[in-house]
Amino acid sequence: MIEFRDVTKQYPDGTVAVDGLDLTVEDGKITVFVGPSGCGKTTSLRMINRMIDPTGGSILLDGKDIRESDPPLLRRGIGYVIQHAGLFPHRTVLDNVATVPLLTGAGKRAARARAAELLELVGLPQEVARRYPPQLSGGQQQRVGVARALAADPPVLLMDEPFSAVDPVVRDDLQQQLLRLQSELDKTIVFVTHDIDEAIKIGDRVAVFRVGGRLAQYDTPSALLAKPADDFVSSFVGRDRGYRALGFLTATGVPVAPVATVPAGGEVARAREALVDGWAVVVDEERRPLGWVSAETLSQMDGSVDAEQLVSGGSLFEVDSTAGTAGSLRNALDAALSSPAAVGIAVDGRGAVVGGVTAQTVLAALADARRSGEVPG
């Protein structure tokens, strides 16, 4: 557990970066520090491993004041991931990750074996180990950075805007990988970001900082969205916080109706007969969706359904028909709204089409949730 007790950081020029911070980071959870530039979130993070020392108050790690610890020794028990990974460019990926085990006394063979295990853990193929950082994509470099931070198996992991320098698709994948790793490792993670969507997606608790280094609100993501503490938090979270809140409500009760499907390469004449309200989902041999086809697009095809002329299907809504579980209401509504046919494609765990959902059915499920008290009215 990490405790901030009335922590202040004031620089010689009088600038107050952190002002009277009281906050407890729970063991085995992801705590996210979020806020605008200059609000003290990164300073607060760096005070945990004594890269910056506070000018007032105290920080306790498992009940012990960190000022009683030698900084290099303290940092060996705390993993640290930064925005651009901070890898050594002239060392192979494997040797980058093996650096920390070597520093803690492991032999070269054991350190490299540990590094190889970690590269597999973060989802990198074996051939990456022999490459050098400049030969990797930004997303791959960040995964290597995470692997290196985990090399000494630290109980605490600090992550300072680690995914902000990559494109949105890679960023989403890295976020999912982090959540997967956390489900397996149960680290105590402090994560800094300026992106409220990222904070809500990955955080068990979210600390919103205001300019001047003061804590505005510290809460669960769902509580933060439902009950912002003041106008600043409400503005920072955004006007669409009601839509974001749907991500915390299960869509198990949303009915999945049959949807028209046609096989790729099938006869156009039969595809026309299968259309419902002018649309059908084109599927491959394993019933995985390839896109939508309309009466208009079919009129431009000769003989068989051409998978190259389909309309994009938008996002997908995943359900597990065997377990009776589903994603969130936000996933379901997004699938319906992004579909050209106004019907979101529902798929099972193997990616096969099981039916469709509409915005009307999702909103009806939301109304039911409000009546049952799951979400504020």
Protein backbone atom coordinates (compact mmCIF):
# COMPACT_ATOMS: atom_id res chain seq x y z
CA MET A 1 0.00 0.00 0.00
CA ILE A 2 1.18 3.52 -0.83
CA GLU A 3 0.05 6.42 1.34
CA PHE A 4 0.41 10.14 0.63
CA ARG A 5 0.07 12.09 3.87
CA ASP A 6 -0.32 15.85 3.37
CA VAL A 7 2.39 15.74 0.69
CA THR A 8 3.57 19.03 -0.81
CA LYS A 9 6.19 19.82 -3.42
CA GLN A 10 7.30 23.42 -3.78
CA TYR A 11 10.20 24.43 -6.02
CA PRO A 12 12.77 27.14 -5.15
CA ASP A 13 11.03 29.68 -7.41
CA GLY A 14 7.88 29.34 -5.31
CA THR A 15 5.94 27.12 -7.75
CA VAL A 16 3.73 24.63 -5.91
CA ALA A 17 3.49 21.43 -7.97
CA VAL A 18 1.66 19.33 -5.37
CA ASP A 19 -0.38 20.88 -2.57
CA GLY A 20 -1.38 18.88 0.52
CA LEU A 21 -2.01 15.54 -1.18
CA ASP A 22 -3.77 12.91 0.96
CA LEU A 23 -4.35 9.67 -0.91
CA THR A 24 -4.05 5.89 -0.43
CA VAL A 25 -3.12 3.59 -3.31
CA GLU A 26 -4.56 0.13 -2.69
CA ASP A 27 -2.50 -3.04 -3.05
CA GLY A 28 -3.06 -5.05 -6.22
CA LYS A 29 -5.07 -2.32 -7.93
CA ILE A 30 -4.54 0.15 -10.78
CA THR A 31 -4.72 3.73 -9.53
CA VAL A 32 -4.73 6.39 -12.23
CA PHE A 33 -3.60 9.99 -11.78
CA VAL A 34 -5.30 12.18 -14.37
CA GLY A 35 -5.61 15.89 -14.96
CA PRO A 36 -4.56 18.80 -17.20
CA SER A 37 -0.94 19.78 -17.81
CA GLY A 38 0.75 21.29 -14.77
CA CYS A 39 -1.53 19.68 -12.20
CA GLY A 40 1.19 17.70 -10.40
CA LYS A 41 0.25 14.16 -11.41
CA THR A 42 3.71 13.23 -12.77
CA THR A 43 5.44 14.95 -9.83
CA SER A 44 3.28 12.90 -7.45
CA LEU A 45 4.23 9.70 -9.29
CA ARG A 46 7.97 10.46 -9.23
CA MET A 47 7.93 11.19 -5.52
CA ILE A 48 7.00 7.53 -4.91
CA ASN A 49 10.41 6.27 -6.10
CA ARG A 50 12.24 9.37 -4.87
CA MET A 51 13.15 10.71 -8.28
CA ILE A 52 11.70 13.84 -6.69
CA ASP A 53 11.60 14.42 -2.94
CA PRO A 54 8.64 16.19 -1.31
CA THR A 55 9.12 19.42 0.61
CA GLY A 56 6.40 18.57 3.09
CA GLY A 57 4.40 15.62 4.35
CA SER A 58 5.33 11.97 3.98
CA ILE A 59 4.90 9.03 1.60
CA LEU A 60 4.64 5.55 3.08
CA LEU A 61 5.25 2.29 1.22
CA ASP A 62 3.85 -0.66 3.16
CA GLY A 63 3.85 1.49 6.30
CA LYS A 64 7.46 2.65 5.97
CA ASP A 65 8.43 6.24 5.16
CA ILE A 66 10.28 6.12 1.82
CA ARG A 67 12.77 8.72 3.09
CA GLU A 68 14.21 5.98 5.29
CA SER A 69 15.11 3.95 2.18
CA ASP A 70 18.21 4.34 0.04
CA PRO A 71 16.89 5.68 -3.33
CA PRO A 72 18.71 3.13 -5.59
CA LEU A 73 17.59 0.25 -3.37
CA LEU A 74 14.02 1.61 -3.25
CA ARG A 75 13.87 1.84 -7.05
CA ARG A 76 14.95 -1.77 -7.52
CA GLY A 77 11.65 -2.80 -5.92
CA ILE A 78 9.58 -0.44 -8.06
CA GLY A 79 9.12 -0.93 -11.80
CA TYR A 80 9.08 2.23 -13.91
CA VAL A 81 7.68 2.67 -17.43
CA ILE A 82 7.93 5.99 -19.28
CA GLN A 83 6.45 7.41 -22.47
CA HIS A 84 9.16 6.45 -24.97
CA ALA A 85 10.20 3.22 -23.19
CA GLY A 86 13.74 4.53 -22.48
CA LEU A 87 15.44 1.50 -23.98
CA PHE A 88 19.17 1.22 -24.64
CA PRO A 89 19.37 1.57 -28.45
CA HIS A 90 22.61 -0.40 -28.88
CA ARG A 91 21.51 -3.43 -26.86
CA THR A 92 19.24 -6.16 -28.16
CA VAL A 93 15.70 -6.34 -26.86
CA LEU A 94 16.59 -9.43 -24.82
CA ASP A 95 19.56 -7.70 -23.18
CA ASN A 96 17.47 -4.59 -22.49
CA VAL A 97 15.02 -6.67 -20.47
CA ALA A 98 17.83 -8.69 -18.82
CA THR A 99 19.45 -5.51 -17.47
CA VAL A 100 17.51 -5.46 -14.20
CA PRO A 101 18.04 -9.15 -13.26
CA LEU A 102 21.76 -8.68 -13.92
CA LEU A 103 21.84 -5.65 -11.61
CA THR A 104 20.17 -7.66 -8.86
CA GLY A 105 22.80 -10.40 -9.05
CA ALA A 106 21.42 -12.95 -11.50
CA GLY A 107 23.81 -14.74 -13.84
CA LYS A 108 23.75 -13.87 -17.52
CA ARG A 109 22.03 -17.10 -18.56
CA ALA A 110 19.37 -16.80 -15.84
CA ALA A 111 18.80 -13.12 -16.65
CA ARG A 112 18.28 -13.85 -20.33
CA ALA A 113 15.95 -16.75 -19.55
CA ARG A 114 13.88 -14.44 -17.35
CA ALA A 115 13.87 -11.80 -20.11
CA ALA A 116 12.62 -14.34 -22.68
CA GLU A 117 9.77 -15.33 -20.34
CA LEU A 118 8.74 -11.71 -19.91
CA LEU A 119 8.80 -10.95 -23.63
CA GLU A 120 6.39 -13.84 -24.13
CA LEU A 121 4.26 -12.57 -21.23
CA VAL A 122 3.80 -9.15 -22.87
CA GLY A 123 2.87 -10.76 -26.18
CA LEU A 124 6.06 -10.33 -28.24
CA PRO A 125 7.24 -13.13 -30.57
CA GLN A 126 10.62 -14.81 -30.00
CA GLU A 127 12.27 -13.24 -33.04
CA VAL A 128 11.88 -9.77 -31.50
CA ALA A 129 14.40 -10.69 -28.79
CA ARG A 130 17.32 -10.50 -31.25
CA ARG A 131 16.36 -7.11 -32.65
CA TYR A 132 17.40 -3.65 -31.48
CA PRO A 133 14.91 -1.03 -30.22
CA PRO A 134 15.13 1.21 -33.35
CA GLN A 135 13.97 -1.81 -35.40
CA LEU A 136 10.70 -2.04 -33.43
CA SER A 137 7.41 -0.20 -33.78
CA GLY A 138 6.37 2.23 -31.04
CA GLY A 139 3.91 -0.27 -29.61
CA GLN A 140 6.52 -3.02 -29.52
CA GLN A 141 8.99 -0.72 -27.77
CA GLN A 142 6.41 0.06 -25.10
CA ARG A 143 5.83 -3.66 -24.52
CA VAL A 144 9.56 -4.14 -24.09
CA GLY A 145 9.54 -1.27 -21.59
CA VAL A 146 6.80 -3.01 -19.60
CA ALA A 147 8.72 -6.32 -19.73
CA ARG A 148 11.85 -4.61 -18.42
CA ALA A 149 9.91 -2.97 -15.59
CA LEU A 150 8.59 -6.38 -14.56
CA ALA A 151 12.00 -8.08 -14.74
CA ALA A 152 12.72 -7.94 -11.01
CA ASP A 153 9.11 -8.91 -10.20
CA PRO A 154 8.47 -5.65 -8.33
CA PRO A 155 5.28 -5.37 -6.25
CA VAL A 156 4.82 -1.75 -7.41
CA LEU A 157 4.78 -0.51 -11.00
CA LEU A 158 4.85 3.20 -11.92
CA MET A 159 3.72 4.12 -15.44
CA ASP A 160 4.15 7.73 -16.63
CA GLU A 161 1.97 8.29 -19.73
CA PRO A 162 3.38 5.10 -21.27
CA PHE A 163 0.92 4.86 -24.17
CA SER A 164 0.48 8.50 -25.18
CA ALA A 165 3.04 8.43 -28.03
CA VAL A 166 1.37 5.67 -30.08
CA ASP A 167 -1.60 5.74 -32.43
CA PRO A 168 -5.14 5.04 -31.10
CA VAL A 169 -5.35 1.45 -32.39
CA VAL A 170 -2.01 0.46 -30.83
CA ARG A 171 -2.91 2.36 -27.68
CA ASP A 172 -6.13 0.39 -27.27
CA ASP A 173 -4.22 -2.86 -27.72
CA LEU A 174 -1.61 -1.84 -25.12
CA GLN A 175 -4.36 -0.95 -22.66
CA GLN A 176 -5.96 -4.36 -23.15
CA GLN A 177 -2.57 -6.03 -22.67
CA LEU A 178 -2.03 -4.11 -19.43
CA LEU A 179 -5.42 -5.21 -18.09
CA ARG A 180 -4.63 -8.81 -19.06
CA LEU A 181 -1.25 -8.66 -17.32
CA GLN A 182 -2.78 -7.14 -14.21
CA SER A 183 -5.39 -9.92 -14.02
CA GLU A 184 -2.48 -12.39 -13.90
CA LEU A 185 0.05 -10.49 -11.78
CA ASP A 186 -1.98 -8.32 -9.33
CA LYS A 187 0.63 -5.55 -9.15
CA THR A 188 0.09 -2.26 -7.36
CA ILE A 189 0.11 0.10 -10.34
CA VAL A 190 0.15 3.90 -10.37
CA PHE A 191 -0.57 5.14 -13.88
CA VAL A 192 -0.36 8.75 -15.08
CA THR A 193 -2.36 9.98 -18.08
CA HIS A 194 -3.98 13.16 -19.36
CA ASP A 195 -6.69 11.12 -21.12
CA ILE A 196 -9.88 10.66 -19.09
CA ASP A 197 -11.07 7.82 -21.36
CA GLU A 198 -7.86 5.90 -20.66
CA ALA A 199 -8.19 6.58 -16.93
CA ILE A 200 -11.75 5.29 -16.82
CA LYS A 201 -10.94 2.25 -18.93
CA ILE A 202 -7.99 0.90 -16.93
CA GLY A 203 -8.34 2.37 -13.45
CA ASP A 204 -9.76 0.66 -10.36
CA ARG A 205 -9.56 4.09 -8.74
CA VAL A 206 -9.04 7.45 -10.45
CA ALA A 207 -7.50 10.55 -8.87
CA VAL A 208 -8.43 13.76 -10.70
CA PHE A 209 -5.95 16.60 -10.09
CA ARG A 210 -6.66 20.26 -10.72
CA VAL A 211 -4.07 22.89 -11.75
CA GLY A 212 -2.06 23.89 -8.70
CA GLY A 213 -1.47 20.32 -7.58
CA ARG A 214 -4.62 19.81 -5.54
CA LEU A 215 -6.69 16.63 -5.55
CA ALA A 216 -10.17 17.34 -6.91
CA GLN A 217 -11.70 13.86 -6.55
CA TYR A 218 -10.54 10.32 -5.84
CA ASP A 219 -13.08 7.66 -6.68
CA THR A 220 -13.98 4.59 -8.69
CA PRO A 221 -14.55 5.27 -12.40
CA SER A 222 -18.27 4.59 -12.13
CA ALA A 223 -18.69 6.92 -9.14
CA LEU A 224 -16.60 9.59 -10.86
CA LEU A 225 -18.93 9.53 -13.85
CA ALA A 226 -22.12 9.32 -11.82
CA LYS A 227 -21.28 11.96 -9.20
CA PRO A 228 -18.52 14.45 -10.12
CA ALA A 229 -17.42 16.35 -7.01
CA ASP A 230 -17.66 19.81 -8.59
CA ASP A 231 -17.87 21.76 -11.86
CA PHE A 232 -14.16 21.24 -12.58
CA VAL A 233 -14.44 17.46 -12.39
CA SER A 234 -17.67 17.47 -14.37
CA SER A 235 -16.05 19.57 -17.09
CA PHE A 236 -12.90 17.45 -17.15
CA VAL A 237 -14.81 14.19 -17.35
CA GLY A 238 -16.84 15.64 -20.22
CA ARG A 239 -20.43 16.22 -21.21
CA ASP A 240 -20.71 12.67 -22.54
CA ARG A 241 -20.01 11.12 -19.12
CA GLY A 242 -23.45 9.51 -19.22
CA TYR A 243 -22.40 7.59 -22.35
CA ARG A 244 -19.09 6.61 -20.76
CA ALA A 245 -20.96 5.31 -17.71
CA LEU A 246 -22.63 2.70 -19.89
CA GLY A 247 -19.29 0.90 -19.93
CA PHE A 248 -19.90 -0.19 -16.32
CA LEU A 249 -23.35 -1.68 -16.96
CA THR A 250 -23.60 -5.21 -18.27
CA ALA A 251 -25.58 -5.83 -21.45
CA THR A 252 -26.61 -9.33 -20.40
CA GLY A 253 -30.30 -8.38 -20.52
CA VAL A 254 -30.17 -6.90 -24.02
CA PRO A 255 -32.06 -9.23 -26.38
CA VAL A 256 -30.03 -10.47 -29.34
CA ALA A 257 -32.38 -10.93 -32.30
CA PRO A 258 -31.77 -13.01 -35.42
CA VAL A 259 -29.98 -11.15 -38.19
CA ALA A 260 -29.94 -11.85 -41.93
CA THR A 261 -26.68 -13.45 -43.09
CA VAL A 262 -25.38 -14.43 -46.52
CA PRO A 263 -22.17 -16.30 -47.37
CA ALA A 264 -19.32 -14.59 -49.16
CA GLY A 265 -19.26 -15.95 -52.70
CA GLY A 266 -22.90 -16.99 -52.53
CA GLU A 267 -25.40 -16.32 -55.29
CA VAL A 268 -26.52 -12.70 -55.59
CA ALA A 269 -30.11 -13.80 -56.32
CA ARG A 270 -30.33 -15.72 -53.03
CA ALA A 271 -28.66 -12.86 -51.20
CA ARG A 272 -31.39 -10.49 -52.42
CA GLU A 273 -34.01 -12.87 -51.01
CA ALA A 274 -32.24 -12.92 -47.62
CA LEU A 275 -32.20 -9.14 -47.12
CA VAL A 276 -34.12 -7.77 -44.13
CA ASP A 277 -35.02 -4.09 -44.32
CA GLY A 278 -32.62 -3.92 -47.26
CA TRP A 279 -29.52 -5.29 -45.45
CA ALA A 280 -27.70 -8.55 -44.63
CA VAL A 281 -24.40 -9.49 -42.97
CA VAL A 282 -21.87 -11.24 -45.21
CA VAL A 283 -20.04 -14.02 -43.36
CA ASP A 284 -17.13 -16.35 -44.09
CA GLU A 285 -17.16 -20.14 -43.77
CA GLU A 286 -16.97 -19.91 -39.97
CA ARG A 287 -19.80 -17.33 -39.82
CA ARG A 288 -17.43 -14.51 -38.95
CA PRO A 289 -18.71 -11.13 -40.22
CA LEU A 290 -16.99 -9.56 -43.20
CA GLY A 291 -19.29 -6.56 -43.60
CA TRP A 292 -22.76 -5.56 -44.67
CA VAL A 293 -24.38 -5.83 -48.08
CA SER A 294 -27.39 -3.77 -49.16
CA ALA A 295 -29.82 -4.00 -52.04
CA GLU A 296 -27.90 -1.16 -53.68
CA THR A 297 -24.49 -2.89 -53.41
CA LEU A 298 -25.98 -6.19 -54.61
CA SER A 299 -27.23 -4.44 -57.73
CA GLN A 300 -23.57 -3.73 -58.59
CA MET A 301 -22.52 -7.39 -58.29
CA ASP A 302 -22.69 -10.10 -60.93
CA GLY A 303 -23.23 -13.78 -60.15
CA SER A 304 -21.81 -14.06 -56.62
CA VAL A 305 -21.48 -11.89 -53.53
CA ASP A 306 -18.14 -10.04 -53.77
CA ALA A 307 -16.49 -9.60 -50.38
CA GLU A 308 -14.47 -6.69 -51.81
CA GLN A 309 -17.58 -4.53 -52.31
CA LEU A 310 -19.07 -4.66 -48.82
CA VAL A 311 -20.02 -1.81 -46.51
CA SER A 312 -18.00 -1.68 -43.28
CA GLY A 313 -19.88 -3.25 -40.40
CA GLY A 314 -18.83 -0.87 -37.63
CA SER A 315 -17.88 -2.21 -34.20
CA LEU A 316 -18.89 -5.63 -32.90
CA PHE A 317 -20.74 -6.62 -29.72
CA GLU A 318 -19.34 -9.78 -28.14
CA VAL A 319 -21.55 -12.17 -26.19
CA ASP A 320 -20.86 -15.60 -24.74
CA SER A 321 -23.98 -17.53 -25.60
CA THR A 322 -22.88 -20.60 -23.59
CA ALA A 323 -22.30 -18.67 -20.36
CA GLY A 324 -25.13 -16.21 -20.88
CA THR A 325 -22.82 -13.23 -20.50
CA ALA A 326 -22.29 -10.15 -22.62
CA GLY A 327 -20.21 -7.00 -22.84
CA SER A 328 -21.31 -3.60 -21.59
CA LEU A 329 -24.25 -1.46 -22.61
CA ARG A 330 -21.72 0.94 -24.13
CA ASN A 331 -20.33 -1.85 -26.35
CA ALA A 332 -23.84 -2.80 -27.44
CA LEU A 333 -24.95 0.77 -28.14
CA ASP A 334 -21.73 1.58 -30.02
CA ALA A 335 -22.22 -1.49 -32.21
CA ALA A 336 -25.76 -0.46 -33.05
CA LEU A 337 -24.92 3.20 -33.72
CA SER A 338 -21.86 2.44 -35.86
CA SER A 339 -23.68 -0.06 -38.06
CA PRO A 340 -24.84 1.14 -41.50
CA ALA A 341 -27.94 -1.00 -41.04
CA ALA A 342 -28.67 0.38 -37.53
CA VAL A 343 -28.23 -3.18 -36.22
CA GLY A 344 -25.12 -4.01 -34.21
CA ILE A 345 -23.56 -7.37 -35.04
CA ALA A 346 -23.35 -9.64 -31.99
CA VAL A 347 -20.61 -12.29 -32.08
CA ASP A 348 -19.60 -15.15 -29.81
CA GLY A 349 -16.15 -15.78 -28.34
CA ARG A 350 -14.97 -17.29 -31.65
CA GLY A 351 -16.11 -14.22 -33.58
CA ALA A 352 -19.08 -15.93 -35.25
CA VAL A 353 -22.32 -14.02 -35.80
CA VAL A 354 -25.05 -14.92 -33.29
CA GLY A 355 -27.50 -12.10 -34.00
CA GLY A 356 -28.00 -8.37 -33.82
CA VAL A 357 -28.90 -5.58 -31.38
CA THR A 358 -30.56 -2.22 -31.99
CA ALA A 359 -30.19 1.09 -30.22
CA GLN A 360 -33.84 0.84 -29.12
CA THR A 361 -33.27 -2.46 -27.30
CA VAL A 362 -30.11 -1.13 -25.64
CA LEU A 363 -31.92 2.00 -24.42
CA ALA A 364 -34.76 -0.17 -23.12
CA ALA A 365 -32.19 -2.17 -21.12
CA LEU A 366 -30.76 1.11 -19.80
CA ALA A 367 -34.25 2.14 -18.65
CA ASP A 368 -34.56 -1.19 -16.83
CA ALA A 369 -31.19 -0.58 -15.15
CA ARG A 370 -32.35 2.82 -13.96
CA ARG A 371 -35.55 1.38 -12.54
CA SER A 372 -33.58 -1.29 -10.68
CA GLY A 373 -31.20 1.34 -9.26
CA GLU A 374 -28.05 0.15 -11.12
CA VAL A 375 -27.55 3.61 -12.58
CA PRO A 376 -28.80 7.06 -11.46
CA GLY A 377 -31.89 8.29 -13.26
